[in-house]
Amino acid sequence: MAVEPTALADANAAATAQGENAQHAASVATPWWRGAVIYQIYPRSFLDSDGNGVGDLPGILARLDYIASLGVDAIWIAPFFKSPMADFGYDIADYHAVDPLFGTLHDFDRLLAAAHARGLRVMIDQVLSHTSIEHAWFRESRRSRDNPKADWYVWADAKPDGTPPNNWLSIFGGPAWTWEPRRQQYYLHNFLDAQPDLNFHNPAVRAAALDNVRFWLDRGVDGVRLDAINFCFHDALLRDNPPKPAHARTGRGFSADNPYAFQYHWYNNTQPENLAFLEQLRALLERYPGTAALGEIASEDSLATMAEYTQPGRLHMGYSFELLTEEFSARHVRETVSTLEAGLRAGWPCWAISNHDVARVATRWGGANPSSAQITQMSVLALCLRGSICVYQGEELGLPEAEVPFEALRDPYGIAFWPNFKGRDGCRTPMPWDDSDKAGFTKGAPWLPLPLAHRKLAVAVQERDAQSPLQRFRAFVAWRKRQPALRGGAIRLLDLPEPLLGFVRSAGGDEILALFNLDSDPRSVALPAGAWRTLAHAGPDAGRIDRNTAHLPAFGVLFARGA
């Protein structure tokens, strides 16, 4: 029987009060990062304060009120350290210095204090597995085979015929080894040749990496996002990676034209020695109460590695790329979550559906012209999975992937693989703050072009529309905060036919049913056993309950509480 509007309002009011009381009680014992919404900022594309066309730390500071208005719990700032920018900051030349392009160390301290004043936690990127070729450590290491830093990077002799020591490949294409004439040896780089890999088998390297993290913990950061954390160790025997059959050559941005997909990467990353280092890292963080580590994990079995890396005493949480691929279906989401849950045990997941490395989700999952309801549904779905969630800047606006012409490309990955793979610039274009020519991002020439389609979806435009993706995102995050079951509860996945996805989140005796219709046509489905009453929410078009059946509109969502 359908619930009458008055009764529904009363029930919702009571449930809200109950949820808020439970949330207050839980917050006393629950760490801030469990169930947190973490807003990822790519600083060079967020806001330019000095007119040079590149975003900076003062630009982030100027928009903290906007970020706080989204209701998120924390910000994660991509690298802003001193760097020659071969990979736009993921090639660090000095871990303790802010690159002048982004500002000063004083600017960071002001940003940190201002964020804390608004109740926002601050996480920063730490790139531990490799440095820039311009780092002082590498400049010394490459000079000779007997200097104090000689063993700080991964060096190996050539084979008798002069070729690299093994068959390892770089993610960015070609061999993962580059010849260094000063030492008459090859050095390893899992990414660009300008990003040499550190030798984590050397205890001095591990100690130095921890010192770099400690520097920022001492300044007051609340956590670290660990880039490519499973790449710290390599196989000490330098064994060849085995070949991968053609049907299995899939992965993050990999296609048949990237030879990286031709191998099982069993030996160039994800080595067992890394677990002990993660425990050292966790021990360091434990000395700074309230801090957390989020690991980026991309391995041959990322879900298994994610479960392993987030066990007690290791990382607080981790995320992988399973929901950052082009595959999107109820089955894929259900299988990804259920596989992770089966192995996770005491670990804690984090989910992301967009970031600075992949095409924007509005295009990747929604196609050429996703509806507003579909865009909102994507965010709502991610926000309802068990775990924490990273939201990439512009995701709350429903920005589509930008088309960047070849002559404007900056990403070396895209330049190398054009036109089959266009790289990462399409998700890195500047944040549109208004609908002016330069979108309120800069007074100069932006480092990447600003698409007209993005200006039409600018923050200022969407603030004026109560039903915009931005307004719905903001409202749903606020609603989610009042539901302890969604923020930190257990998850039970339902076996539903495509294109329906459903699960029950539960905490402290409270159960919330979440149903998603991923199709452009309305769908109906039988409710799971039990008595359910619909919940008003701030997501996309809501479904309704008629007796024991849920009716969902196109791209609709239904939430119901167990009676």
Protein backbone atom coordinates (compact mmCIF):
# COMPACT_ATOMS: atom_id res chain seq x y z
CA MET A 1 0.00 0.00 0.00
CA ALA A 2 1.35 3.41 -0.94
CA VAL A 3 2.35 5.65 1.98
CA GLU A 4 0.27 8.80 2.36
CA PRO A 5 2.26 12.06 1.99
CA THR A 6 1.51 13.24 5.56
CA ALA A 7 2.44 9.90 7.07
CA LEU A 8 5.56 9.80 4.93
CA ALA A 9 6.61 13.26 6.09
CA ASP A 10 6.09 12.28 9.76
CA ALA A 11 8.00 9.06 9.28
CA ASN A 12 10.83 10.88 7.54
CA ALA A 13 11.02 13.49 10.30
CA ALA A 14 11.22 10.79 12.96
CA ALA A 15 13.76 8.83 10.95
CA THR A 16 15.84 11.96 10.41
CA ALA A 17 15.91 12.71 14.12
CA GLN A 18 16.78 9.10 14.88
CA GLY A 19 19.52 9.16 12.24
CA GLU A 20 21.02 12.40 13.52
CA ASN A 21 21.14 11.07 17.10
CA ALA A 22 22.75 7.84 15.92
CA GLN A 23 25.22 9.78 13.80
CA HIS A 24 26.23 11.95 16.75
CA ALA A 25 26.80 8.90 18.94
CA ALA A 26 28.74 7.11 16.20
CA SER A 27 30.91 10.13 15.41
CA VAL A 28 32.44 9.96 18.87
CA ALA A 29 34.06 6.61 18.08
CA THR A 30 34.19 6.60 14.28
CA PRO A 31 37.26 8.08 12.56
CA TRP A 32 36.46 10.99 10.25
CA TRP A 33 37.67 9.18 7.13
CA ARG A 34 35.28 6.22 7.37
CA GLY A 35 32.51 7.09 4.94
CA ALA A 36 34.05 10.49 4.18
CA VAL A 37 33.41 12.39 0.96
CA ILE A 38 36.83 13.54 -0.28
CA TYR A 39 36.91 16.27 -2.92
CA GLN A 40 39.87 15.89 -5.29
CA ILE A 41 41.49 19.11 -6.49
CA TYR A 42 43.81 19.17 -9.50
CA PRO A 43 45.42 22.49 -8.57
CA ARG A 44 46.66 23.61 -11.99
CA SER A 45 43.06 23.44 -13.26
CA PHE A 46 41.08 24.71 -10.25
CA LEU A 47 41.54 28.50 -10.08
CA ASP A 48 44.35 30.76 -11.27
CA SER A 49 45.00 33.66 -8.89
CA ASP A 50 47.88 35.37 -10.71
CA GLY A 51 46.85 35.35 -14.37
CA ASN A 52 49.48 32.95 -15.72
CA GLY A 53 46.84 30.46 -16.88
CA VAL A 54 47.69 27.81 -14.29
CA GLY A 55 45.73 27.22 -11.09
CA ASP A 56 47.53 27.58 -7.77
CA LEU A 57 47.25 27.27 -4.00
CA PRO A 58 45.86 30.82 -3.47
CA GLY A 59 43.20 29.88 -6.04
CA ILE A 60 42.14 26.92 -3.91
CA LEU A 61 42.08 29.16 -0.85
CA ALA A 62 39.76 31.57 -2.67
CA ARG A 63 37.23 28.79 -3.33
CA LEU A 64 37.19 27.04 0.05
CA ASP A 65 33.74 28.42 0.84
CA TYR A 66 32.41 26.79 -2.33
CA ILE A 67 34.02 23.48 -1.42
CA ALA A 68 32.64 23.65 2.10
CA SER A 69 29.17 24.37 0.69
CA LEU A 70 29.24 20.98 -1.04
CA GLY A 71 29.18 19.30 2.34
CA VAL A 72 32.32 17.26 1.71
CA ASP A 73 34.53 16.15 4.59
CA ALA A 74 37.99 16.63 3.11
CA ILE A 75 39.98 17.83 0.15
CA TRP A 76 42.73 15.90 -1.59
CA ILE A 77 45.18 18.18 -3.38
CA ALA A 78 47.14 16.67 -6.28
CA PRO A 79 50.92 17.37 -6.29
CA PHE A 80 52.02 20.98 -5.91
CA PHE A 81 55.66 20.22 -5.09
CA LYS A 82 58.73 21.45 -6.94
CA SER A 83 58.84 19.68 -10.29
CA PRO A 84 59.97 20.11 -13.90
CA MET A 85 56.36 19.09 -14.74
CA ALA A 86 57.18 16.28 -17.17
CA ASP A 87 54.13 14.56 -15.68
CA PHE A 88 52.57 17.72 -14.24
CA GLY A 89 53.77 17.31 -10.69
CA TYR A 90 53.88 13.54 -10.37
CA ASP A 91 57.61 13.87 -11.06
CA ILE A 92 58.84 15.46 -7.84
CA ALA A 93 62.20 17.23 -7.64
CA ASP A 94 61.86 18.36 -4.02
CA TYR A 95 59.32 16.80 -1.66
CA HIS A 96 59.60 19.63 0.85
CA ALA A 97 59.16 22.60 -1.49
CA VAL A 98 56.14 24.12 -3.20
CA ASP A 99 56.72 24.73 -6.89
CA PRO A 100 56.67 28.49 -7.60
CA LEU A 101 54.04 27.79 -10.25
CA PHE A 102 51.61 26.98 -7.40
CA GLY A 103 52.78 29.46 -4.77
CA THR A 104 54.83 29.16 -1.61
CA LEU A 105 55.00 27.06 1.53
CA HIS A 106 53.37 29.99 3.32
CA ASP A 107 50.47 29.81 0.85
CA PHE A 108 50.03 26.15 1.74
CA ASP A 109 50.06 26.88 5.47
CA ARG A 110 47.40 29.56 4.97
CA LEU A 111 45.31 27.15 2.91
CA LEU A 112 45.61 24.44 5.55
CA ALA A 113 44.55 26.78 8.35
CA ALA A 114 41.62 28.16 6.33
CA ALA A 115 40.41 24.68 5.44
CA HIS A 116 40.54 23.58 9.07
CA ALA A 117 38.62 26.70 10.07
CA ARG A 118 35.82 25.51 7.75
CA GLY A 119 35.83 21.99 9.10
CA LEU A 120 37.60 20.56 6.05
CA ARG A 121 40.36 17.98 6.40
CA VAL A 122 43.31 18.26 4.02
CA MET A 123 44.97 15.29 2.30
CA ILE A 124 47.93 15.71 -0.02
CA ASP A 125 49.42 13.51 -2.71
CA GLN A 126 52.61 11.65 -1.87
CA VAL A 127 54.45 10.06 -4.79
CA LEU A 128 56.78 7.62 -3.07
CA SER A 129 57.68 5.04 -5.71
CA HIS A 130 59.63 7.39 -8.01
CA THR A 131 61.03 10.89 -8.26
CA SER A 132 61.85 13.34 -11.00
CA ILE A 133 65.03 12.84 -12.98
CA GLU A 134 65.89 16.33 -11.64
CA HIS A 135 65.74 15.26 -7.98
CA ALA A 136 69.07 15.72 -6.19
CA TRP A 137 69.02 12.03 -5.22
CA PHE A 138 68.94 10.90 -8.85
CA ARG A 139 71.48 13.45 -10.02
CA GLU A 140 73.91 12.00 -7.49
CA SER A 141 72.94 8.38 -8.08
CA ARG A 142 73.58 8.48 -11.81
CA ARG A 143 77.10 9.94 -11.46
CA SER A 144 78.79 6.65 -10.62
CA ARG A 145 78.31 3.20 -9.15
CA ASP A 146 80.02 4.01 -5.83
CA ASN A 147 78.55 7.34 -4.63
CA PRO A 148 76.42 7.61 -1.44
CA LYS A 149 73.16 7.45 -3.46
CA ALA A 150 74.38 4.82 -5.94
CA ASP A 151 71.87 2.22 -4.71
CA TRP A 152 68.91 4.58 -4.21
CA TYR A 153 67.41 3.83 -7.63
CA VAL A 154 66.90 0.62 -9.58
CA TRP A 155 69.98 0.12 -11.74
CA ALA A 156 70.85 -2.95 -13.79
CA ASP A 157 73.46 -4.00 -16.29
CA ALA A 158 72.61 -4.54 -19.92
CA LYS A 159 72.31 -8.03 -21.36
CA PRO A 160 75.39 -9.17 -23.32
CA ASP A 161 73.82 -7.80 -26.51
CA GLY A 162 73.26 -4.36 -24.94
CA THR A 163 69.49 -4.67 -24.57
CA PRO A 164 67.63 -3.92 -21.30
CA PRO A 165 67.96 -6.39 -18.42
CA ASN A 166 64.42 -7.77 -18.81
CA ASN A 167 61.16 -7.28 -20.67
CA TRP A 168 59.42 -4.86 -18.27
CA LEU A 169 57.40 -2.13 -19.97
CA SER A 170 56.43 1.41 -19.06
CA ILE A 171 52.76 2.33 -18.66
CA PHE A 172 53.45 5.26 -20.97
CA GLY A 173 54.73 3.01 -23.76
CA GLY A 174 57.96 1.23 -24.61
CA PRO A 175 60.61 -0.36 -22.37
CA ALA A 176 60.66 0.51 -18.67
CA TRP A 177 64.45 0.89 -18.86
CA THR A 178 66.58 3.83 -20.05
CA TRP A 179 70.34 3.76 -20.58
CA GLU A 180 72.45 6.07 -18.47
CA PRO A 181 75.92 6.58 -20.04
CA ARG A 182 77.52 7.94 -16.84
CA ARG A 183 77.03 4.61 -15.06
CA GLN A 184 76.92 2.40 -18.15
CA GLN A 185 73.71 0.90 -16.77
CA TYR A 186 69.96 1.00 -17.29
CA TYR A 187 67.59 2.58 -14.76
CA LEU A 188 64.00 1.49 -14.19
CA HIS A 189 60.99 3.75 -14.77
CA ASN A 190 57.49 2.28 -14.62
CA PHE A 191 56.16 5.59 -15.94
CA LEU A 192 57.99 8.25 -17.98
CA ASP A 193 61.74 8.03 -18.43
CA ALA A 194 61.78 11.32 -16.49
CA GLN A 195 60.39 9.41 -13.46
CA PRO A 196 63.09 6.99 -12.26
CA ASP A 197 61.98 4.36 -9.75
CA LEU A 198 63.44 4.42 -6.26
CA ASN A 199 64.99 1.23 -4.88
CA PHE A 200 62.79 0.43 -1.88
CA HIS A 201 64.90 -2.65 -1.13
CA ASN A 202 67.37 -0.11 0.29
CA PRO A 203 66.38 0.70 3.92
CA ALA A 204 67.80 4.23 3.55
CA VAL A 205 65.30 4.89 0.76
CA ARG A 206 62.40 3.68 2.89
CA ALA A 207 63.54 5.89 5.75
CA ALA A 208 63.82 8.91 3.43
CA ALA A 209 60.34 8.28 2.04
CA LEU A 210 58.91 8.22 5.56
CA ASP A 211 60.79 11.43 6.38
CA ASN A 212 59.11 13.12 3.42
CA VAL A 213 55.69 12.10 4.69
CA ARG A 214 56.63 13.21 8.22
CA PHE A 215 57.52 16.69 6.95
CA TRP A 216 53.90 17.30 5.89
CA LEU A 217 52.38 15.58 8.92
CA ASP A 218 54.38 17.98 11.08
CA ARG A 219 52.81 20.87 9.17
CA GLY A 220 49.35 19.58 10.10
CA VAL A 221 47.96 17.72 7.09
CA ASP A 222 45.20 15.26 7.92
CA GLY A 223 46.21 12.54 5.53
CA VAL A 224 48.04 11.42 2.43
CA ARG A 225 46.87 9.98 -0.84
CA LEU A 226 49.58 7.58 -1.95
CA ASP A 227 50.14 7.56 -5.69
CA ALA A 228 50.86 4.16 -7.29
CA ILE A 229 51.60 2.77 -3.84
CA ASN A 230 51.92 -0.83 -5.05
CA PHE A 231 54.83 0.20 -7.32
CA CYS A 232 57.31 0.86 -4.51
CA PHE A 233 59.05 -2.51 -4.69
CA HIS A 234 60.25 -4.45 -7.72
CA ASP A 235 61.26 -8.09 -8.01
CA ALA A 236 64.89 -8.18 -6.81
CA LEU A 237 65.66 -10.98 -9.29
CA LEU A 238 64.40 -8.87 -12.22
CA ARG A 239 62.42 -11.78 -13.64
CA ASP A 240 60.62 -11.31 -16.96
CA ASN A 241 56.88 -10.67 -16.86
CA PRO A 242 54.93 -13.44 -18.61
CA PRO A 243 52.90 -12.69 -21.76
CA LYS A 244 49.16 -12.00 -21.55
CA PRO A 245 46.75 -13.47 -24.12
CA ALA A 246 44.97 -11.02 -26.41
CA HIS A 247 41.53 -11.50 -24.82
CA ALA A 248 42.90 -10.41 -21.42
CA ARG A 249 44.56 -7.18 -22.58
CA THR A 250 42.34 -4.74 -20.77
CA GLY A 251 42.93 -2.24 -18.03
CA ARG A 252 43.19 1.42 -17.10
CA GLY A 253 43.40 3.25 -20.41
CA PHE A 254 45.12 0.31 -22.03
CA SER A 255 44.24 -0.75 -25.55
CA ALA A 256 45.68 -3.14 -28.07
CA ASP A 257 48.10 -0.45 -29.27
CA ASN A 258 49.76 -0.10 -25.85
CA PRO A 259 52.27 -2.92 -25.35
CA TYR A 260 51.93 -2.54 -21.56
CA ALA A 261 48.71 -4.55 -21.87
CA PHE A 262 50.63 -7.46 -23.42
CA GLN A 263 52.09 -8.63 -20.08
CA TYR A 264 51.03 -9.89 -16.68
CA HIS A 265 52.78 -7.38 -14.43
CA TRP A 266 53.77 -9.82 -11.73
CA TYR A 267 57.32 -8.64 -11.12
CA ASN A 268 57.59 -4.90 -11.73
CA ASN A 269 55.10 -4.01 -8.97
CA THR A 270 52.98 -5.36 -6.07
CA GLN A 271 55.78 -7.30 -4.40
CA PRO A 272 55.30 -8.93 -0.97
CA GLU A 273 58.00 -6.75 0.60
CA ASN A 274 55.66 -3.77 0.22
CA LEU A 275 53.44 -4.99 3.06
CA ALA A 276 56.11 -4.41 5.69
CA PHE A 277 56.69 -0.89 4.36
CA LEU A 278 52.96 -0.13 4.57
CA GLU A 279 53.08 -1.19 8.19
CA GLN A 280 56.00 1.19 8.78
CA LEU A 281 54.01 3.96 7.13
CA ARG A 282 50.95 3.20 9.25
CA ALA A 283 53.08 3.25 12.41
CA LEU A 284 54.24 6.74 11.44
CA LEU A 285 50.69 7.94 10.92
CA GLU A 286 49.62 6.50 14.27
CA ARG A 287 51.92 9.03 15.89
CA TYR A 288 49.71 11.78 14.40
CA PRO A 289 46.20 11.05 15.72
CA GLY A 290 43.39 11.65 13.27
CA THR A 291 45.48 11.23 10.13
CA ALA A 292 44.75 8.72 7.38
CA ALA A 293 46.35 7.15 4.31
CA LEU A 294 44.51 6.46 1.06
CA GLY A 295 46.29 4.24 -1.42
CA GLU A 296 45.91 4.21 -5.21
CA ILE A 297 46.14 0.57 -6.31
CA ALA A 298 46.46 -0.75 -9.85
CA SER A 299 47.68 -4.34 -10.04
CA GLU A 300 46.83 -7.51 -11.93
CA ASP A 301 44.18 -8.23 -9.29
CA SER A 302 43.49 -4.79 -7.87
CA LEU A 303 40.58 -5.85 -5.68
CA ALA A 304 42.66 -8.54 -3.98
CA THR A 305 45.54 -6.09 -3.53
CA MET A 306 43.15 -3.46 -2.19
CA ALA A 307 41.87 -5.94 0.40
CA GLU A 308 45.39 -6.97 1.34
CA TYR A 309 46.70 -3.40 1.62
CA THR A 310 43.87 -2.18 3.86
CA GLN A 311 44.06 -4.87 6.52
CA PRO A 312 44.58 -3.59 10.10
CA GLY A 313 47.99 -2.03 10.58
CA ARG A 314 48.38 -1.06 6.91
CA LEU A 315 46.57 1.61 4.87
CA HIS A 316 43.40 3.11 6.28
CA MET A 317 41.68 2.81 2.90
CA GLY A 318 42.41 2.17 -0.75
CA TYR A 319 40.84 2.58 -4.16
CA SER A 320 41.36 0.84 -7.48
CA PHE A 321 40.29 1.47 -11.06
CA GLU A 322 37.40 -1.00 -11.38
CA LEU A 323 34.81 1.82 -11.43
CA LEU A 324 37.08 4.11 -13.45
CA THR A 325 36.84 2.06 -16.65
CA GLU A 326 34.36 2.44 -19.50
CA GLU A 327 32.48 -0.67 -18.43
CA PHE A 328 29.26 0.30 -16.67
CA SER A 329 26.38 -1.98 -15.89
CA ALA A 330 24.50 -3.18 -12.84
CA ARG A 331 26.32 -6.50 -13.17
CA HIS A 332 29.76 -4.86 -13.26
CA VAL A 333 29.10 -2.72 -10.18
CA ARG A 334 27.55 -5.64 -8.28
CA GLU A 335 30.40 -8.03 -9.13
CA THR A 336 33.07 -5.44 -8.31
CA VAL A 337 31.58 -4.65 -4.91
CA SER A 338 30.78 -8.26 -4.02
CA THR A 339 34.28 -9.45 -5.01
CA LEU A 340 35.89 -6.77 -2.88
CA GLU A 341 33.58 -7.36 0.07
CA ALA A 342 34.37 -11.10 0.00
CA GLY A 343 38.08 -10.45 0.54
CA LEU A 344 38.07 -7.17 2.45
CA ARG A 345 37.46 -8.51 5.97
CA ALA A 346 38.46 -5.67 8.32
CA GLY A 347 39.69 -3.37 5.54
CA TRP A 348 37.96 -0.23 4.36
CA PRO A 349 37.31 0.69 0.71
CA CYS A 350 37.24 4.00 -1.06
CA TRP A 351 35.46 4.49 -4.39
CA ALA A 352 36.04 6.86 -7.29
CA ILE A 353 34.14 7.14 -10.56
CA SER A 354 36.20 10.07 -11.94
CA ASN A 355 39.68 11.42 -11.40
CA HIS A 356 42.56 13.15 -13.19
CA ASP A 357 43.66 9.98 -14.99
CA VAL A 358 40.49 8.86 -16.80
CA ALA A 359 37.75 10.29 -19.00
CA ARG A 360 35.05 12.10 -17.05
CA VAL A 361 32.27 9.81 -15.86
CA ALA A 362 29.45 11.85 -17.45
CA THR A 363 30.84 10.86 -20.86
CA ARG A 364 32.46 7.55 -19.95
CA TRP A 365 29.23 6.10 -18.53
CA GLY A 366 26.62 8.47 -19.86
CA GLY A 367 27.61 8.78 -23.52
CA ALA A 368 27.36 11.87 -25.70
CA ASN A 369 24.28 13.48 -24.12
CA PRO A 370 23.57 12.22 -20.60
CA SER A 371 20.48 13.60 -18.93
CA SER A 372 20.62 15.58 -15.69
CA ALA A 373 18.95 12.68 -13.88
CA GLN A 374 21.55 10.23 -15.20
CA ILE A 375 24.43 12.50 -14.14
CA THR A 376 23.01 12.84 -10.64
CA GLN A 377 22.35 9.12 -10.40
CA MET A 378 26.03 8.36 -11.04
CA SER A 379 27.13 10.44 -8.08
CA VAL A 380 24.34 9.14 -5.85
CA LEU A 381 25.27 5.55 -6.66
CA ALA A 382 28.92 6.10 -5.76
CA LEU A 383 27.95 7.93 -2.57
CA CYS A 384 25.82 4.99 -1.45
CA LEU A 385 28.43 2.24 -1.74
CA ARG A 386 30.03 1.03 1.47
CA GLY A 387 33.22 2.99 1.97
CA SER A 388 34.58 6.47 1.48
CA ILE A 389 34.26 8.30 -1.85
CA CYS A 390 36.57 10.56 -3.85
CA VAL A 391 34.78 13.17 -5.94
CA TYR A 392 36.83 14.80 -8.68
CA GLN A 393 36.46 18.57 -9.20
CA GLY A 394 33.71 19.25 -11.75
CA GLU A 395 32.05 15.89 -11.15
CA GLU A 396 29.43 17.71 -9.08
CA LEU A 397 28.68 19.82 -12.18
CA GLY A 398 28.32 16.82 -14.49
CA LEU A 399 31.12 18.06 -16.76
CA PRO A 400 31.57 15.92 -19.88
CA GLU A 401 34.96 14.86 -21.21
CA ALA A 402 36.51 17.76 -23.15
CA GLU A 403 37.65 17.36 -26.73
CA VAL A 404 41.20 18.73 -26.82
CA PRO A 405 42.72 19.10 -30.31
CA PHE A 406 46.09 17.49 -30.88
CA GLU A 407 47.88 20.82 -31.18
CA ALA A 408 46.65 21.79 -27.67
CA LEU A 409 47.57 18.51 -25.94
CA ARG A 410 49.94 18.70 -22.98
CA ASP A 411 49.81 15.13 -21.68
CA PRO A 412 52.83 13.10 -22.91
CA TYR A 413 50.73 9.93 -22.65
CA GLY A 414 48.12 11.30 -25.05
CA ILE A 415 50.70 12.74 -27.43
CA ALA A 416 52.45 9.35 -27.66
CA PHE A 417 49.27 7.35 -28.33
CA TRP A 418 47.24 9.83 -30.38
CA PRO A 419 44.74 9.32 -31.97
CA ASN A 420 43.78 5.88 -30.59
CA PHE A 421 44.15 7.13 -27.02
CA LYS A 422 43.89 10.86 -26.47
CA GLY A 423 45.42 10.94 -23.04
CA ARG A 424 44.27 12.63 -19.86
CA ASP A 425 43.92 16.26 -20.92
CA GLY A 426 40.20 15.89 -21.60
CA CYS A 427 39.48 15.47 -17.89
CA ARG A 428 42.00 18.11 -16.78
CA THR A 429 40.63 21.23 -18.47
CA PRO A 430 40.04 24.21 -16.16
CA MET A 431 37.15 24.37 -13.73
CA PRO A 432 34.35 26.61 -15.09
CA TRP A 433 33.28 29.12 -12.46
CA ASP A 434 31.15 31.28 -14.75
CA ASP A 435 30.06 31.39 -18.40
CA SER A 436 32.57 34.03 -19.53
CA ASP A 437 35.22 33.34 -22.18
CA LYS A 438 37.76 32.24 -19.57
CA ALA A 439 35.13 30.77 -17.24
CA GLY A 440 36.32 32.84 -14.28
CA PHE A 441 39.32 30.51 -14.09
CA THR A 442 42.01 32.95 -15.19
CA LYS A 443 42.71 36.38 -16.62
CA GLY A 444 45.40 34.97 -18.88
CA ALA A 445 45.54 32.19 -21.46
CA PRO A 446 44.45 28.94 -19.76
CA TRP A 447 46.97 26.10 -19.88
CA LEU A 448 44.33 23.90 -21.54
CA PRO A 449 41.37 25.18 -23.61
CA LEU A 450 38.03 25.84 -21.95
CA PRO A 451 35.19 24.05 -23.78
CA LEU A 452 32.02 26.02 -24.47
CA ALA A 453 29.99 23.05 -23.18
CA HIS A 454 31.71 23.41 -19.80
CA ARG A 455 31.01 27.14 -19.59
CA LYS A 456 27.29 26.37 -19.99
CA LEU A 457 27.59 24.11 -16.93
CA ALA A 458 29.59 26.60 -14.86
CA VAL A 459 29.14 26.91 -11.11
CA ALA A 460 27.47 30.34 -11.39
CA VAL A 461 24.99 28.99 -13.94
CA GLN A 462 24.07 25.96 -11.87
CA GLU A 463 23.75 27.94 -8.65
CA ARG A 464 20.75 29.68 -10.25
CA ASP A 465 18.97 26.39 -11.05
CA ALA A 466 17.47 24.51 -8.10
CA GLN A 467 17.40 21.26 -10.12
CA SER A 468 20.92 21.46 -11.52
CA PRO A 469 23.41 18.61 -10.95
CA LEU A 470 25.33 20.88 -8.57
CA GLN A 471 22.32 21.66 -6.41
CA ARG A 472 21.22 18.03 -6.36
CA PHE A 473 24.72 16.87 -5.49
CA ARG A 474 24.94 19.32 -2.61
CA ALA A 475 21.51 18.35 -1.29
CA PHE A 476 22.18 14.62 -1.52
CA VAL A 477 25.51 14.87 0.32
CA ALA A 478 23.69 16.72 3.10
CA TRP A 479 20.97 14.02 3.19
CA ARG A 480 23.55 11.20 3.22
CA LYS A 481 25.23 12.73 6.28
CA ARG A 482 21.99 12.19 8.21
CA GLN A 483 21.90 8.47 7.34
CA PRO A 484 24.45 6.50 9.43
CA ALA A 485 23.63 3.35 7.48
CA LEU A 486 24.79 4.98 4.24
CA ARG A 487 27.88 6.59 5.71
CA GLY A 488 29.29 3.62 7.55
CA GLY A 489 26.94 0.65 7.54
CA ALA A 490 27.26 -2.84 6.13
CA ILE A 491 26.12 -3.65 2.59
CA ARG A 492 24.02 -6.55 1.29
CA LEU A 493 23.80 -6.73 -2.50
CA LEU A 494 20.56 -7.84 -4.14
CA ASP A 495 20.37 -10.20 -7.11
CA LEU A 496 18.35 -8.10 -9.56
CA PRO A 497 18.03 -8.28 -13.35
CA GLU A 498 19.86 -5.83 -15.59
CA PRO A 499 19.60 -2.81 -15.65
CA LEU A 500 18.57 -2.70 -11.98
CA LEU A 501 21.03 -2.43 -9.14
CA GLY A 502 20.05 -2.74 -5.53
CA PHE A 503 21.50 -3.21 -2.07
CA VAL A 504 20.63 -2.80 1.58
CA ARG A 505 22.83 -0.72 3.87
CA SER A 506 22.47 -1.37 7.60
CA ALA A 507 23.84 0.03 10.85
CA GLY A 508 22.64 -0.23 14.43
CA GLY A 509 19.36 -1.90 13.49
CA ASP A 510 18.59 0.69 10.82
CA GLU A 511 18.20 -0.64 7.25
CA ILE A 512 18.07 1.43 4.07
CA LEU A 513 17.16 -0.13 0.74
CA ALA A 514 18.69 1.57 -2.31
CA LEU A 515 17.39 0.73 -5.80
CA PHE A 516 18.80 2.16 -9.04
CA ASN A 517 17.37 1.98 -12.54
CA LEU A 518 20.33 2.42 -14.87
CA ASP A 519 18.11 2.54 -17.97
CA SER A 520 16.37 5.29 -19.95
CA ASP A 521 13.05 3.42 -19.68
CA PRO A 522 10.99 3.03 -16.48
CA ARG A 523 11.38 -0.27 -14.63
CA SER A 524 9.58 -2.15 -11.88
CA VAL A 525 10.93 -4.78 -9.51
CA ALA A 526 9.68 -6.80 -6.57
CA LEU A 527 10.88 -5.55 -3.20
CA PRO A 528 13.02 -7.81 -1.01
CA ALA A 529 11.25 -9.52 1.86
CA GLY A 530 10.19 -7.25 4.67
CA ALA A 531 8.22 -4.07 5.20
CA TRP A 532 9.65 -0.96 3.54
CA ARG A 533 8.59 2.66 3.65
CA THR A 534 9.85 5.13 1.08
CA LEU A 535 12.29 7.83 2.10
CA ALA A 536 12.28 11.32 0.68
CA HIS A 537 15.76 12.17 -0.55
CA ALA A 538 17.65 14.70 -2.61
CA GLY A 539 18.76 12.43 -5.42
CA PRO A 540 17.44 12.00 -8.98
CA ASP A 541 13.81 11.30 -9.84
CA ALA A 542 12.41 9.16 -7.06
CA GLY A 543 10.68 5.85 -7.46
CA ARG A 544 7.56 4.75 -5.58
CA ILE A 545 6.34 1.66 -3.79
CA ASP A 546 3.03 0.02 -4.69
CA ARG A 547 2.38 -2.89 -2.35
CA ASN A 548 5.45 -5.13 -2.76
CA THR A 549 6.70 -3.59 -5.99
CA ALA A 550 9.08 -0.70 -6.59
CA HIS A 551 8.49 1.46 -9.65
CA LEU A 552 11.48 3.45 -10.86
CA PRO A 553 11.47 6.13 -13.57
CA ALA A 554 14.26 6.49 -16.11
CA PHE A 555 17.56 6.79 -14.22
CA GLY A 556 15.54 6.85 -11.04
CA VAL A 557 16.50 5.95 -7.50
CA LEU A 558 14.36 4.67 -4.65
CA PHE A 559 15.35 4.70 -1.02
CA ALA A 560 13.27 2.90 1.57
CA ARG A 561 13.74 2.24 5.27
CA GLY A 562 12.98 -1.10 6.82
CA ALA A 563 9.94 -0.89 9.06
